[in-house]
């Protein structure tokens, strides 16, 4: 049986953690940054975990992660 393919967009957006969860980047740091506070922009730099309700979908898109 051939290998399954991962979704290219998901490969670029999500990384698996050691515990099996998925990390993701925050939205909101591309443009219109002048009206956002320094605190808000600083906090947006950090990564976040994917919510438990979406982990099954991410796992299907990344079969080898």
PDB file of N, CA and C in Angstrom:
ATOM      1  N   UNK A   1       0.847  -1.183   0.000  1.00  0.00           N
ATOM      2  CA  UNK A   1       0.000   0.000   0.000  1.00  0.00           C
ATOM      3  C   UNK A   1       0.900   1.256   0.000  1.00  0.00           C
ATOM      4  N   UNK A   2       0.577   2.245  -0.816  1.00  0.00           N
ATOM      5  CA  UNK A   2       1.432   3.438  -0.860  1.00  0.00           C
ATOM      6  C   UNK A   2       1.318   4.281   0.401  1.00  0.00           C
ATOM      7  N   UNK A   3       2.323   5.131   0.582  1.00  0.00           N
ATOM      8  CA  UNK A   3       2.312   6.028   1.740  1.00  0.00           C
ATOM      9  C   UNK A   3       1.198   7.056   1.586  1.00  0.00           C
ATOM     10  N   UNK A   4       0.638   7.486   2.706  1.00  0.00           N
ATOM     11  CA  UNK A   4      -0.376   8.538   2.688  1.00  0.00           C
ATOM     12  C   UNK A   4       0.318   9.884   2.559  1.00  0.00           C
ATOM     13  N   UNK A   5      -0.352  10.835   1.926  1.00  0.00           N
ATOM     14  CA  UNK A   5       0.214  12.172   1.781  1.00  0.00           C
ATOM     15  C   UNK A   5      -0.322  13.077   2.880  1.00  0.00           C
ATOM     16  N   UNK A   6       0.562  13.947   3.367  1.00  0.00           N
ATOM     17  CA  UNK A   6       0.146  14.973   4.319  1.00  0.00           C
ATOM     18  C   UNK A   6      -0.375  16.169   3.543  1.00  0.00           C
ATOM     19  N   UNK A   7      -1.280  16.936   4.146  1.00  0.00           N
ATOM     20  CA  UNK A   7      -1.762  18.169   3.530  1.00  0.00           C
ATOM     21  C   UNK A   7      -0.661  19.223   3.650  1.00  0.00           C
ATOM     22  N   UNK A   8      -0.254  19.802   2.526  1.00  0.00           N
ATOM     23  CA  UNK A   8       0.865  20.740   2.520  1.00  0.00           C
ATOM     24  C   UNK A   8       0.592  21.963   3.381  1.00  0.00           C
ATOM     25  N   UNK A   9      -0.620  22.486   3.344  1.00  0.00           N
ATOM     26  CA  UNK A   9      -0.954  23.661   4.143  1.00  0.00           C
ATOM     27  C   UNK A   9      -0.866  23.366   5.630  1.00  0.00           C
ATOM     28  N   UNK A  10      -1.278  22.179   6.030  1.00  0.00           N
ATOM     29  CA  UNK A  10      -1.231  21.792   7.442  1.00  0.00           C
ATOM     30  C   UNK A  10       0.208  21.587   7.909  1.00  0.00           C
ATOM     31  N   UNK A  11       1.063  21.066   7.022  1.00  0.00           N
ATOM     32  CA  UNK A  11       2.478  20.871   7.377  1.00  0.00           C
ATOM     33  C   UNK A  11       3.125  22.190   7.761  1.00  0.00           C
ATOM     34  N   UNK A  12       2.745  23.264   7.046  1.00  0.00           N
ATOM     35  CA  UNK A  12       3.349  24.570   7.280  1.00  0.00           C
ATOM     36  C   UNK A  12       2.790  25.257   8.521  1.00  0.00           C
ATOM     37  N   UNK A  13       1.610  24.858   8.984  1.00  0.00           N
ATOM     38  CA  UNK A  13       0.928  25.585  10.050  1.00  0.00           C
ATOM     39  C   UNK A  13       0.982  24.922  11.419  1.00  0.00           C
ATOM     40  N   UNK A  14       1.148  23.602  11.461  1.00  0.00           N
ATOM     41  CA  UNK A  14       1.052  22.879  12.728  1.00  0.00           C
ATOM     42  C   UNK A  14       2.283  22.029  12.968  1.00  0.00           C
ATOM     43  N   UNK A  15       2.683  21.935  14.252  1.00  0.00           N
ATOM     44  CA  UNK A  15       3.771  21.054  14.660  1.00  0.00           C
ATOM     45  C   UNK A  15       3.287  20.213  15.836  1.00  0.00           C
ATOM     46  N   UNK A  16       3.653  18.950  15.856  1.00  0.00           N
ATOM     47  CA  UNK A  16       3.261  18.068  16.945  1.00  0.00           C
ATOM     48  C   UNK A  16       4.184  18.281  18.140  1.00  0.00           C
ATOM     49  N   UNK A  17       3.620  18.233  19.345  1.00  0.00           N
ATOM     50  CA  UNK A  17       4.421  18.323  20.562  1.00  0.00           C
ATOM     51  C   UNK A  17       4.787  16.913  21.006  1.00  0.00           C
ATOM     52  N   UNK A  18       5.629  16.819  22.015  1.00  0.00           N
ATOM     53  CA  UNK A  18       6.062  15.512  22.514  1.00  0.00           C
ATOM     54  C   UNK A  18       4.910  14.731  23.135  1.00  0.00           C
ATOM     55  N   UNK A  19       3.897  15.440  23.635  1.00  0.00           N
ATOM     56  CA  UNK A  19       2.763  14.778  24.272  1.00  0.00           C
ATOM     57  C   UNK A  19       1.666  14.419  23.287  1.00  0.00           C
ATOM     58  N   UNK A  20       1.848  14.752  22.000  1.00  0.00           N
ATOM     59  CA  UNK A  20       0.860  14.391  20.998  1.00  0.00           C
ATOM     60  C   UNK A  20      -0.140  15.481  20.665  1.00  0.00           C
ATOM     61  N   UNK A  21      -0.008  16.641  21.307  1.00  0.00           N
ATOM     62  CA  UNK A  21      -0.873  17.771  20.961  1.00  0.00           C
ATOM     63  C   UNK A  21      -0.277  18.485  19.755  1.00  0.00           C
ATOM     64  N   UNK A  22      -0.923  19.552  19.296  1.00  0.00           N
ATOM     65  CA  UNK A  22      -0.416  20.303  18.156  1.00  0.00           C
ATOM     66  C   UNK A  22      -0.268  21.772  18.509  1.00  0.00           C
ATOM     67  N   UNK A  23       0.868  22.363  18.106  1.00  0.00           N
ATOM     68  CA  UNK A  23       1.114  23.791  18.283  1.00  0.00           C
ATOM     69  C   UNK A  23       0.705  24.501  17.008  1.00  0.00           C
ATOM     70  N   UNK A  24       0.309  25.768  17.160  1.00  0.00           N
ATOM     71  CA  UNK A  24      -0.053  26.592  16.010  1.00  0.00           C
ATOM     72  C   UNK A  24       0.391  28.018  16.279  1.00  0.00           C
ATOM     73  N   UNK A  25       0.503  28.786  15.207  1.00  0.00           N
ATOM     74  CA  UNK A  25       0.827  30.194  15.348  1.00  0.00           C
ATOM     75  C   UNK A  25      -0.432  30.993  15.622  1.00  0.00           C
ATOM     76  N   UNK A  26      -0.258  32.206  16.128  1.00  0.00           N
ATOM     77  CA  UNK A  26      -1.399  33.076  16.402  1.00  0.00           C
ATOM     78  C   UNK A  26      -1.752  33.861  15.140  1.00  0.00           C
ATOM     79  N   UNK A  27      -3.006  34.226  14.995  1.00  0.00           N
ATOM     80  CA  UNK A  27      -3.414  35.083  13.886  1.00  0.00           C
ATOM     81  C   UNK A  27      -3.304  36.538  14.316  1.00  0.00           C
ATOM     82  N   UNK A  28      -3.310  37.428  13.341  1.00  0.00           N
ATOM     83  CA  UNK A  28      -3.388  38.835  13.661  1.00  0.00           C
ATOM     84  C   UNK A  28      -2.075  39.595  13.648  1.00  0.00           C
ATOM     85  N   UNK A  29      -0.998  39.002  13.085  1.00  0.00           N
ATOM     86  CA  UNK A  29       0.288  39.695  13.078  1.00  0.00           C
ATOM     87  C   UNK A  29       0.776  40.006  11.665  1.00  0.00           C
ATOM     88  N   UNK A  30      -0.104  39.982  10.687  1.00  0.00           N
ATOM     89  CA  UNK A  30       0.306  40.209   9.300  1.00  0.00           C
ATOM     90  C   UNK A  30       0.286  41.691   8.932  1.00  0.00           C
ATOM     91  N   UNK A  31      -0.787  42.374   9.281  1.00  0.00           N
ATOM     92  CA  UNK A  31      -0.919  43.780   8.898  1.00  0.00           C
ATOM     93  C   UNK A  31      -1.852  44.487   9.873  1.00  0.00           C
ATOM     94  N   UNK A  32      -2.037  45.783   9.672  1.00  0.00           N
ATOM     95  CA  UNK A  32      -2.819  46.641  10.576  1.00  0.00           C
ATOM     96  C   UNK A  32      -2.281  46.508  12.006  1.00  0.00           C
ATOM     97  N   UNK A  33      -0.979  46.723  12.146  1.00  0.00           N
ATOM     98  CA  UNK A  33      -0.340  46.556  13.445  1.00  0.00           C
ATOM     99  C   UNK A  33      -0.253  47.858  14.234  1.00  0.00           C
ATOM    100  N   UNK A  34      -0.483  49.002  13.577  1.00  0.00           N
ATOM    101  CA  UNK A  34      -0.287  50.279  14.263  1.00  0.00           C
ATOM    102  C   UNK A  34      -1.315  50.509  15.355  1.00  0.00           C
ATOM    103  N   UNK A  35      -2.518  50.013  15.165  1.00  0.00           N
ATOM    104  CA  UNK A  35      -3.557  50.236  16.177  1.00  0.00           C
ATOM    105  C   UNK A  35      -3.511  49.210  17.312  1.00  0.00           C
ATOM    106  N   UNK A  36      -2.676  48.197  17.188  1.00  0.00           N
ATOM    107  CA  UNK A  36      -2.567  47.180  18.238  1.00  0.00           C
ATOM    108  C   UNK A  36      -1.497  47.592  19.243  1.00  0.00           C
ATOM    109  N   UNK A  37      -1.741  47.316  20.503  1.00  0.00           N
ATOM    110  CA  UNK A  37      -0.806  47.710  21.555  1.00  0.00           C
ATOM    111  C   UNK A  37       0.435  46.816  21.524  1.00  0.00           C
ATOM    112  N   UNK A  38       1.512  47.317  22.112  1.00  0.00           N
ATOM    113  CA  UNK A  38       2.757  46.552  22.192  1.00  0.00           C
ATOM    114  C   UNK A  38       2.534  45.245  22.941  1.00  0.00           C
ATOM    115  N   UNK A  39       1.751  45.290  24.007  1.00  0.00           N
ATOM    116  CA  UNK A  39       1.471  44.088  24.795  1.00  0.00           C
ATOM    117  C   UNK A  39       0.757  43.042  23.948  1.00  0.00           C
ATOM    118  N   UNK A  40      -0.228  43.490  23.190  1.00  0.00           N
ATOM    119  CA  UNK A  40      -1.003  42.568  22.344  1.00  0.00           C
ATOM    120  C   UNK A  40      -0.114  41.942  21.269  1.00  0.00           C
ATOM    121  N   UNK A  41       0.737  42.740  20.628  1.00  0.00           N
ATOM    122  CA  UNK A  41       1.621  42.221  19.587  1.00  0.00           C
ATOM    123  C   UNK A  41       2.656  41.261  20.174  1.00  0.00           C
ATOM    124  N   UNK A  42       3.153  41.574  21.362  1.00  0.00           N
ATOM    125  CA  UNK A  42       4.125  40.702  22.022  1.00  0.00           C
ATOM    126  C   UNK A  42       3.509  39.350  22.350  1.00  0.00           C
ATOM    127  N   UNK A  43       2.263  39.365  22.824  1.00  0.00           N
ATOM    128  CA  UNK A  43       1.601  38.109  23.166  1.00  0.00           C
ATOM    129  C   UNK A  43       1.236  37.293  21.929  1.00  0.00           C
ATOM    130  N   UNK A  44       1.017  37.963  20.811  1.00  0.00           N
ATOM    131  CA  UNK A  44       0.685  37.256  19.575  1.00  0.00           C
ATOM    132  C   UNK A  44       1.885  36.522  18.980  1.00  0.00           C
ATOM    133  N   UNK A  45       3.102  36.884  19.386  1.00  0.00           N
ATOM    134  CA  UNK A  45       4.289  36.198  18.880  1.00  0.00           C
ATOM    135  C   UNK A  45       4.382  34.768  19.381  1.00  0.00           C
ATOM    136  N   UNK A  46       3.796  34.497  20.526  1.00  0.00           N
ATOM    137  CA  UNK A  46       3.894  33.174  21.132  1.00  0.00           C
ATOM    138  C   UNK A  46       2.979  32.194  20.397  1.00  0.00           C
ATOM    139  N   UNK A  47       3.350  30.926  20.431  1.00  0.00           N
ATOM    140  CA  UNK A  47       2.512  29.902  19.816  1.00  0.00           C
ATOM    141  C   UNK A  47       1.424  29.475  20.798  1.00  0.00           C
ATOM    142  N   UNK A  48       0.412  28.825  20.267  1.00  0.00           N
ATOM    143  CA  UNK A  48      -0.703  28.343  21.084  1.00  0.00           C
ATOM    144  C   UNK A  48      -0.973  26.888  20.714  1.00  0.00           C
ATOM    145  N   UNK A  49      -1.721  26.214  21.549  1.00  0.00           N
ATOM    146  CA  UNK A  49      -2.098  24.833  21.276  1.00  0.00           C
ATOM    147  C   UNK A  49      -3.425  24.797  20.530  1.00  0.00           C
ATOM    148  N   UNK A  50      -3.556  23.816  19.647  1.00  0.00           N
ATOM    149  CA  UNK A  50      -4.815  23.597  18.945  1.00  0.00           C
ATOM    150  C   UNK A  50      -5.833  23.078  19.954  1.00  0.00           C
ATOM    151  N   UNK A  51      -7.057  23.539  19.847  1.00  0.00           N
ATOM    152  CA  UNK A  51      -8.108  23.111  20.767  1.00  0.00           C
ATOM    153  C   UNK A  51      -8.396  21.622  20.587  1.00  0.00           C
ATOM    154  N   UNK A  52      -8.787  20.977  21.675  1.00  0.00           N
ATOM    155  CA  UNK A  52      -9.030  19.524  21.652  1.00  0.00           C
ATOM    156  C   UNK A  52     -10.072  19.122  20.615  1.00  0.00           C
ATOM    157  N   UNK A  53     -11.058  19.982  20.385  1.00  0.00           N
ATOM    158  CA  UNK A  53     -12.128  19.644  19.437  1.00  0.00           C
ATOM    159  C   UNK A  53     -11.635  19.599  18.001  1.00  0.00           C
ATOM    160  N   UNK A  54     -10.485  20.203  17.707  1.00  0.00           N
ATOM    161  CA  UNK A  54      -9.956  20.217  16.341  1.00  0.00           C
ATOM    162  C   UNK A  54      -8.786  19.261  16.131  1.00  0.00           C
ATOM    163  N   UNK A  55      -8.328  18.630  17.184  1.00  0.00           N
ATOM    164  CA  UNK A  55      -7.141  17.769  17.067  1.00  0.00           C
ATOM    165  C   UNK A  55      -7.364  16.573  16.151  1.00  0.00           C
ATOM    166  N   UNK A  56      -8.552  16.025  16.130  1.00  0.00           N
ATOM    167  CA  UNK A  56      -8.849  14.880  15.269  1.00  0.00           C
ATOM    168  C   UNK A  56      -8.704  15.266  13.800  1.00  0.00           C
ATOM    169  N   UNK A  57      -9.147  16.466  13.442  1.00  0.00           N
ATOM    170  CA  UNK A  57      -9.034  16.945  12.064  1.00  0.00           C
ATOM    171  C   UNK A  57      -7.571  17.159  11.675  1.00  0.00           C
ATOM    172  N   UNK A  58      -6.791  17.722  12.577  1.00  0.00           N
ATOM    173  CA  UNK A  58      -5.369  17.964  12.301  1.00  0.00           C
ATOM    174  C   UNK A  58      -4.640  16.634  12.140  1.00  0.00           C
ATOM    175  N   UNK A  59      -4.975  15.673  12.988  1.00  0.00           N
ATOM    176  CA  UNK A  59      -4.329  14.360  12.918  1.00  0.00           C
ATOM    177  C   UNK A  59      -4.616  13.676  11.574  1.00  0.00           C
ATOM    178  N   UNK A  60      -5.811  13.897  11.028  1.00  0.00           N
ATOM    179  CA  UNK A  60      -6.156  13.313   9.726  1.00  0.00           C
ATOM    180  C   UNK A  60      -5.361  13.977   8.600  1.00  0.00           C
ATOM    181  N   UNK A  61      -5.077  15.271   8.751  1.00  0.00           N
ATOM    182  CA  UNK A  61      -4.314  15.982   7.726  1.00  0.00           C
ATOM    183  C   UNK A  61      -2.828  15.674   7.796  1.00  0.00           C
ATOM    184  N   UNK A  62      -2.341  15.299   9.000  1.00  0.00           N
ATOM    185  CA  UNK A  62      -0.920  14.988   9.203  1.00  0.00           C
ATOM    186  C   UNK A  62      -0.781  13.560   9.731  1.00  0.00           C
ATOM    187  N   UNK A  63      -0.889  12.566   8.868  1.00  0.00           N
ATOM    188  CA  UNK A  63      -0.915  11.180   9.363  1.00  0.00           C
ATOM    189  C   UNK A  63       0.382  10.720  10.007  1.00  0.00           C
ATOM    190  N   UNK A  64       1.513  11.364   9.720  1.00  0.00           N
ATOM    191  CA  UNK A  64       2.797  10.901  10.258  1.00  0.00           C
ATOM    192  C   UNK A  64       3.344  11.836  11.329  1.00  0.00           C
ATOM    193  N   UNK A  65       2.549  12.779  11.805  1.00  0.00           N
ATOM    194  CA  UNK A  65       3.023  13.707  12.844  1.00  0.00           C
ATOM    195  C   UNK A  65       2.764  13.159  14.226  1.00  0.00           C
TER     196      UNK A  65
END
